Protein backbone atom coordinates (compact mmCIF):
# COMPACT_ATOMS: atom_id res chain seq x y z
CA MET A 1 11.91 -8.44 -92.99
CA LYS A 2 9.57 -10.71 -91.06
CA ILE A 3 10.48 -11.74 -87.50
CA LYS A 4 9.83 -15.38 -86.69
CA ARG A 5 7.74 -16.11 -83.64
CA ARG A 6 10.56 -18.13 -82.12
CA ASP A 7 12.88 -15.13 -82.41
CA PHE A 8 10.23 -12.84 -80.90
CA LEU A 9 9.84 -15.11 -77.90
CA LYS A 10 13.60 -15.16 -77.37
CA VAL A 11 13.75 -11.36 -77.39
CA ALA A 12 10.75 -11.07 -75.04
CA LEU A 13 12.24 -13.55 -72.59
CA ALA A 14 15.60 -11.79 -72.63
CA SER A 15 13.96 -8.41 -72.08
CA SER A 16 11.86 -9.56 -69.14
CA THR A 17 14.86 -11.28 -67.55
CA GLY A 18 16.88 -8.10 -67.91
CA VAL A 19 14.19 -6.05 -66.23
CA ALA A 20 13.94 -8.49 -63.36
CA VAL A 21 17.72 -8.60 -62.85
CA GLY A 22 17.98 -4.84 -62.99
CA SER A 23 15.20 -4.38 -60.46
CA SER A 24 16.73 -6.97 -58.17
CA ALA A 25 20.09 -5.22 -58.35
CA ARG A 26 18.51 -1.88 -57.52
CA ALA A 27 16.72 -3.48 -54.56
CA GLN A 28 20.03 -4.85 -53.24
CA MET A 29 21.70 -1.46 -53.53
CA ALA A 30 18.77 0.41 -51.90
CA PRO A 31 19.95 0.11 -48.27
CA ASP A 32 23.16 1.97 -49.12
CA SER A 33 21.51 4.68 -51.18
CA GLY A 34 20.24 6.85 -48.29
CA PRO A 35 16.92 8.01 -46.87
CA ALA A 36 15.28 8.59 -50.25
CA SER A 37 15.56 4.91 -51.13
CA ALA A 38 14.29 3.86 -47.73
CA ALA A 39 11.24 6.06 -48.15
CA ALA A 40 10.34 4.31 -51.39
CA SER A 41 10.81 0.77 -50.13
CA GLY A 42 7.22 0.08 -49.12
CA PRO A 43 5.82 -0.82 -45.70
CA ALA A 44 8.90 0.36 -43.81
CA SER A 45 8.81 3.78 -45.44
CA ALA A 46 9.40 6.87 -43.32
CA PRO A 47 6.44 9.13 -42.56
CA ARG A 48 5.76 12.03 -44.88
CA SER A 49 6.89 15.50 -43.83
CA ALA A 50 3.22 16.38 -43.23
CA GLN A 51 3.09 13.75 -40.47
CA ARG A 52 6.26 14.83 -38.70
CA GLY A 53 5.66 17.00 -35.69
CA ALA A 54 1.95 16.18 -35.69
CA ASP A 55 1.74 17.12 -32.00
CA GLN A 56 2.35 20.72 -33.07
CA HIS A 57 -0.36 20.74 -35.74
CA ALA A 58 -3.38 23.00 -35.36
CA ALA A 59 -6.21 20.85 -34.04
CA CYS A 60 -9.61 20.97 -32.39
CA LEU A 61 -11.17 18.83 -29.67
CA VAL A 62 -14.92 18.17 -29.86
CA ASP A 63 -16.52 17.22 -26.55
CA THR A 64 -19.80 15.61 -27.56
CA ALA A 65 -20.85 15.31 -23.91
CA LEU A 66 -20.88 19.11 -23.64
CA CYS A 67 -22.31 20.09 -27.02
CA VAL A 68 -25.89 21.40 -26.73
CA GLY A 69 -26.68 21.62 -30.46
CA CYS A 70 -27.05 25.40 -30.53
CA ARG A 71 -25.71 25.59 -34.13
CA LYS A 72 -23.63 28.67 -33.29
CA CYS A 73 -20.64 26.95 -34.90
CA GLU A 74 -22.60 26.53 -38.13
CA GLU A 75 -23.55 30.20 -38.14
CA ALA A 76 -19.99 31.37 -37.43
CA CYS A 77 -18.59 29.15 -40.17
CA ASN A 78 -21.18 30.44 -42.64
CA ARG A 79 -20.28 34.04 -41.85
CA ALA A 80 -16.49 33.58 -41.79
CA ASN A 81 -16.47 31.81 -45.16
CA GLU A 82 -19.09 34.08 -46.75
CA LEU A 83 -21.39 31.19 -47.63
CA PRO A 84 -25.02 31.51 -48.76
CA LYS A 85 -27.62 31.77 -46.02
CA PRO A 86 -29.49 28.49 -45.38
CA ASP A 87 -33.15 28.01 -46.14
CA LYS A 88 -33.93 27.75 -42.42
CA PRO A 89 -32.34 30.13 -39.89
CA PHE A 90 -29.59 28.90 -37.57
CA ASP A 91 -31.81 29.19 -34.50
CA ASP A 92 -34.15 26.55 -35.97
CA LYS A 93 -33.22 23.40 -34.05
CA THR A 94 -35.52 21.10 -35.98
CA VAL A 95 -32.99 20.65 -38.80
CA ILE A 96 -30.51 18.83 -36.56
CA ARG A 97 -32.95 15.98 -35.98
CA THR A 98 -32.27 14.69 -39.51
CA GLU A 99 -28.68 13.55 -40.01
CA ARG A 100 -26.86 15.87 -42.39
CA ARG A 101 -23.48 15.99 -44.10
CA PRO A 102 -21.32 18.99 -45.10
CA THR A 103 -22.18 20.42 -48.52
CA ASP A 104 -20.83 23.07 -50.87
CA GLN A 105 -22.91 25.60 -48.90
CA ALA A 106 -22.29 24.30 -45.39
CA LEU A 107 -18.74 23.37 -44.38
CA THR A 108 -19.84 22.07 -40.98
CA VAL A 109 -23.11 20.76 -39.55
CA VAL A 110 -24.32 19.58 -36.16
CA ASN A 111 -26.52 16.49 -35.86
CA GLN A 112 -28.69 15.29 -32.99
CA TYR A 113 -28.73 11.63 -31.97
CA PRO A 114 -31.42 10.25 -29.62
CA GLY A 115 -30.32 8.65 -26.38
CA ALA A 116 -28.48 9.72 -23.24
CA PRO A 117 -25.11 11.30 -24.12
CA SER A 118 -23.36 9.59 -21.19
CA ARG A 119 -24.11 7.69 -18.00
CA ASP A 120 -24.29 10.79 -15.78
CA GLN A 121 -26.49 12.86 -18.09
CA LYS A 122 -29.76 10.95 -18.07
CA GLN A 123 -31.73 14.19 -17.98
CA ARG A 124 -30.66 14.91 -21.57
CA ARG A 125 -32.02 12.44 -24.05
CA GLU A 126 -29.78 13.25 -26.99
CA THR A 127 -26.19 13.73 -28.09
CA HIS A 128 -24.98 16.34 -30.54
CA ALA A 129 -21.98 15.83 -32.81
CA LYS A 130 -20.32 18.29 -35.17
CA VAL A 131 -19.18 17.15 -38.63
CA GLN A 132 -16.50 18.76 -40.84
CA CYS A 133 -13.25 17.95 -42.64
CA MET A 134 -11.07 15.97 -40.22
CA HIS A 135 -7.76 17.31 -41.57
CA CYS A 136 -6.04 13.91 -41.56
CA LEU A 137 -2.34 13.71 -40.74
CA ASP A 138 -1.85 11.62 -43.88
CA PRO A 139 -4.80 12.78 -46.02
CA ALA A 140 -6.13 10.48 -48.72
CA CYS A 141 -7.53 13.46 -50.65
CA VAL A 142 -4.05 14.96 -50.99
CA SER A 143 -2.64 11.61 -52.14
CA ALA A 144 -5.43 11.21 -54.70
CA CYS A 145 -5.17 14.72 -56.18
CA ILE A 146 -3.26 14.41 -59.47
CA VAL A 147 -2.39 18.11 -59.80
CA GLY A 148 -1.64 19.08 -56.20
CA ALA A 149 -4.72 21.23 -55.73
CA LEU A 150 -5.00 19.81 -52.21
CA THR A 151 -2.00 20.12 -49.92
CA LYS A 152 -1.17 19.41 -46.30
CA SER A 153 0.31 22.60 -44.85
CA ALA A 154 3.15 22.63 -42.34
CA ALA A 155 0.75 23.97 -39.70
CA GLY A 156 -1.57 20.99 -40.21
CA PRO A 157 -4.66 22.12 -42.19
CA VAL A 158 -5.48 20.50 -45.54
CA GLN A 159 -5.83 23.39 -47.98
CA TYR A 160 -7.35 23.68 -51.45
CA ASN A 161 -6.16 25.66 -54.48
CA ALA A 162 -9.07 26.21 -56.87
CA ARG A 163 -6.83 27.76 -59.54
CA ILE A 164 -5.17 24.46 -60.45
CA CYS A 165 -8.03 22.07 -59.66
CA LEU A 166 -9.16 19.99 -62.66
CA GLY A 167 -12.51 19.06 -61.17
CA CYS A 168 -11.75 15.34 -61.39
CA ARG A 169 -13.27 14.79 -57.92
CA TYR A 170 -10.86 11.98 -57.07
CA CYS A 171 -10.56 13.59 -53.63
CA MET A 172 -14.26 12.99 -53.03
CA VAL A 173 -13.84 9.31 -53.81
CA ALA A 174 -10.67 8.97 -51.73
CA CYS A 175 -11.85 10.68 -48.53
CA PRO A 176 -12.67 8.00 -45.91
CA PHE A 177 -14.94 10.48 -44.11
CA GLU A 178 -16.87 11.41 -47.30
CA ILE A 179 -16.38 15.13 -46.69
CA PRO A 180 -15.39 17.09 -49.86
CA ALA A 181 -18.37 18.53 -51.71
CA TYR A 182 -18.55 19.83 -55.28
CA GLN A 183 -20.30 22.89 -56.67
CA TYR A 184 -22.33 21.14 -59.35
CA ASN A 185 -24.50 24.22 -59.81
CA GLU A 186 -21.53 26.41 -60.74
CA ALA A 187 -21.24 25.89 -64.49
CA LEU A 188 -18.26 28.20 -65.19
CA ALA A 189 -16.00 27.79 -62.17
CA PRO A 190 -17.06 24.89 -59.93
CA ARG A 191 -14.92 24.20 -56.89
CA VAL A 192 -14.32 21.42 -54.41
CA VAL A 193 -15.52 22.75 -51.07
CA LYS A 194 -14.61 21.72 -47.53
CA CYS A 195 -13.51 23.16 -44.19
CA GLU A 196 -9.98 24.59 -44.40
CA PHE A 197 -9.62 25.39 -40.70
CA CYS A 198 -10.32 29.05 -41.51
CA THR A 199 -6.99 29.33 -43.35
CA ASN A 200 -8.93 30.45 -46.45
CA ASN A 201 -9.84 33.70 -44.71
CA LYS A 202 -8.02 36.24 -42.55
CA ARG A 203 -8.04 34.16 -39.38
CA GLY A 204 -5.13 31.87 -40.25
CA PRO A 205 -4.06 28.55 -38.66
CA LYS A 206 -2.79 30.16 -35.43
CA ALA A 207 -6.09 31.83 -34.58
CA ASN A 208 -9.17 30.12 -33.26
CA PRO A 209 -11.32 28.88 -36.14
CA ALA A 210 -14.66 30.66 -36.19
CA CYS A 211 -16.59 27.62 -34.94
CA ALA A 212 -14.39 27.09 -31.88
CA GLU A 213 -14.27 30.75 -30.98
CA ILE A 214 -18.04 31.16 -30.79
CA CYS A 215 -18.94 27.93 -28.93
CA PRO A 216 -20.83 29.10 -25.80
CA VAL A 217 -20.21 25.93 -23.75
CA GLU A 218 -16.60 25.34 -24.83
CA ALA A 219 -17.48 22.02 -26.41
CA LEU A 220 -14.89 22.99 -29.06
CA VAL A 221 -11.32 23.57 -27.90
CA PHE A 222 -8.67 24.77 -30.35
CA GLY A 223 -4.94 24.24 -29.84
CA LYS A 224 -1.97 22.03 -30.66
CA ARG A 225 -2.82 18.40 -31.31
CA GLY A 226 -0.45 17.08 -28.64
CA ASP A 227 -1.90 19.40 -25.99
CA LEU A 228 -5.46 18.46 -26.93
CA LEU A 229 -4.70 14.75 -26.64
CA THR A 230 -3.34 15.41 -23.15
CA LEU A 231 -6.45 17.41 -22.27
CA ALA A 232 -8.73 14.68 -23.61
CA ARG A 233 -6.99 11.99 -21.55
CA LYS A 234 -7.24 14.23 -18.49
CA ARG A 235 -11.00 14.64 -18.92
CA ILE A 236 -11.44 10.90 -19.43
CA GLY A 237 -9.43 10.18 -16.29
CA GLU A 238 -11.33 12.70 -14.18
CA ARG A 239 -14.79 11.70 -15.42
CA PRO A 240 -14.88 8.02 -16.37
CA ASP A 241 -18.63 8.16 -15.72
CA ARG A 242 -19.01 10.71 -18.53
CA TYR A 243 -16.59 9.58 -21.23
CA LEU A 244 -15.65 6.36 -22.95
CA ASP A 245 -11.95 5.58 -22.74
CA VAL A 246 -11.28 6.42 -26.38
CA ILE A 247 -10.35 9.51 -28.37
CA TYR A 248 -11.80 9.34 -31.86
CA GLY A 249 -9.28 10.67 -34.38
CA GLU A 250 -6.21 9.77 -32.36
CA ARG A 251 -5.44 6.76 -34.56
CA GLU A 252 -8.19 6.53 -37.18
CA VAL A 253 -6.70 6.50 -40.72
CA GLY A 254 -3.30 7.45 -39.31
CA GLY A 255 -4.67 10.19 -37.05
CA THR A 256 -6.65 13.38 -37.62
CA SER A 257 -6.52 16.98 -36.43
CA TRP A 258 -10.13 16.89 -35.23
CA LEU A 259 -10.47 14.79 -32.10
CA TYR A 260 -13.65 13.62 -30.37
CA LEU A 261 -14.54 12.81 -26.76
CA MET A 262 -17.60 10.56 -26.53
CA GLY A 263 -19.99 9.32 -23.89
CA ARG A 264 -21.50 6.83 -26.31
CA PRO A 265 -20.10 4.42 -28.92
CA GLN A 266 -19.06 6.17 -32.12
CA ARG A 267 -21.54 4.25 -34.27
CA GLU A 268 -24.38 5.83 -32.28
CA ILE A 269 -23.32 9.39 -33.05
CA GLY A 270 -22.45 9.19 -36.72
CA LEU A 271 -18.69 8.66 -36.45
CA ILE A 272 -17.47 6.13 -39.00
CA LYS A 273 -15.49 3.11 -37.85
CA LEU A 274 -12.17 3.18 -39.71
CA PRO A 275 -8.85 1.33 -39.52
CA SER A 276 -5.74 2.88 -38.01
CA SER A 277 -3.77 2.68 -41.26
CA ALA A 278 -3.93 5.68 -43.60
CA PRO A 279 -5.37 4.90 -47.08
CA PRO A 280 -2.32 6.36 -48.91
CA ARG A 281 -0.03 3.92 -47.08
CA VAL A 282 -2.19 0.98 -48.18
CA THR A 283 -2.40 2.00 -51.83
CA GLU A 284 1.29 2.90 -52.06
CA ASN A 285 2.28 -0.44 -50.54
CA ILE A 286 0.18 -2.19 -53.18
CA GLN A 287 1.86 -0.15 -55.92
CA HIS A 288 5.31 -0.95 -54.56
CA THR A 289 4.48 -4.64 -54.45
CA ILE A 290 3.17 -4.64 -58.05
CA PHE A 291 6.14 -2.77 -59.51
CA LYS A 292 8.84 -4.40 -57.41
CA PHE A 293 11.26 -6.58 -59.44
CA GLY A 294 9.63 -5.50 -62.70
CA ALA A 295 6.46 -7.50 -62.05
CA ILE A 296 4.40 -5.65 -64.66
CA PRO A 297 6.93 -5.99 -67.55
CA ILE A 298 7.35 -9.67 -66.74
CA ALA A 299 3.60 -10.19 -66.71
CA VAL A 300 3.15 -8.32 -70.01
CA TYR A 301 5.92 -10.17 -71.78
CA GLY A 302 4.76 -13.46 -70.29
CA ALA A 303 1.22 -12.91 -71.56
CA LEU A 304 2.47 -11.99 -75.04
CA GLY A 305 4.72 -15.02 -75.08
CA ALA A 306 1.89 -17.32 -74.05
CA LEU A 307 -0.36 -15.86 -76.73
CA MET A 308 2.27 -16.31 -79.44
CA TRP A 309 3.01 -19.88 -78.27
CA ARG A 310 -0.67 -20.81 -78.39
CA THR A 311 -1.08 -19.24 -81.84
CA SER A 312 1.96 -21.16 -83.10
CA ARG A 313 0.63 -24.45 -81.77
CA LEU A 314 -2.75 -23.89 -83.43
CA GLU A 315 -1.11 -23.17 -86.79
CA GLN A 316 1.02 -26.28 -86.49
CA ALA A 317 -2.06 -28.37 -85.67
CA ASN A 318 -3.97 -26.96 -88.65
CA HIS A 319 -1.01 -27.58 -90.94
CA SER A 320 -0.68 -31.20 -89.83
CA THR A 321 -4.34 -31.92 -90.69
CA GLU A 322 -4.11 -30.63 -94.26
CA PRO A 323 -4.09 -33.37 -97.03
CA ALA A 324 -0.71 -34.10 -98.57
CA GLY A 325 -0.01 -31.98 -101.63
CA SER A 326 -2.92 -29.59 -100.95
CA ASP A 327 -0.58 -26.58 -101.08
CA ARG A 328 0.72 -27.45 -104.56
CA LYS A 329 -0.33 -25.38 -107.52
CA ARG A 330 -2.93 -27.00 -109.76
């Protein structure tokens, strides 16, 4: 049996109206349905469990005014994670003059930036800054991973499970700091590689990560995030001539577990300028807006209806231009 276009449009309109009414009713009932509904309501959603108690998360403070670019942190990280030895030895300081990024064979790197590190250190004509996974409080890589190979642990570190990773590399695209690397040269079992705060070895999240433990000038301080923020503010208050009144990582993309003290603007030492909102909150709000009140079904049915209406009008116009009696049998 053939369905007339008019009947199809009636069914489509009824269906889309039903979806919209149902969605509207669910939205009206949401306030009485408990915390789960509130968490799914969009911009006013509650923070994820990974963000709760962030002051107690394992964290590290990087004091760029103290760092001397010795590369001891690179060497300790290489040894603790059993990574391949670099082409140039760690005591070769020439490599830090060219800006580098973490790779699948180097989870952290130190770069040198020309210019006085702060107003009271004119005798030193450079600043050194360490780069690694920032361990965001609301990590975009975790949100982007479709199989849960990346997770935010209760202690704070963002950890990776190679056994369930599909190799889609969505995490690499999602990361606002452009940190995750991929083992393209490993044909059989490639992995996504990044700093895991030494939780992927025997040290664990409660012990000093290898890089912080070896730092000879204590430019790296490991501890609880809340305590490190207090320490950073104390240093800024005591030495306003040395530090800018900002803690990088305190608010960037919702906050990170690696925090930076700076004597120079962040753009001068390779730190990316980012908004305070976490990428997962932005994308999820967009999704909630699109799906709210059945927007997609309405749009689909509306487009189909418009297409059928236009087709019907064209057929009617063609029929009206045909000569009288042209459809009769000869």
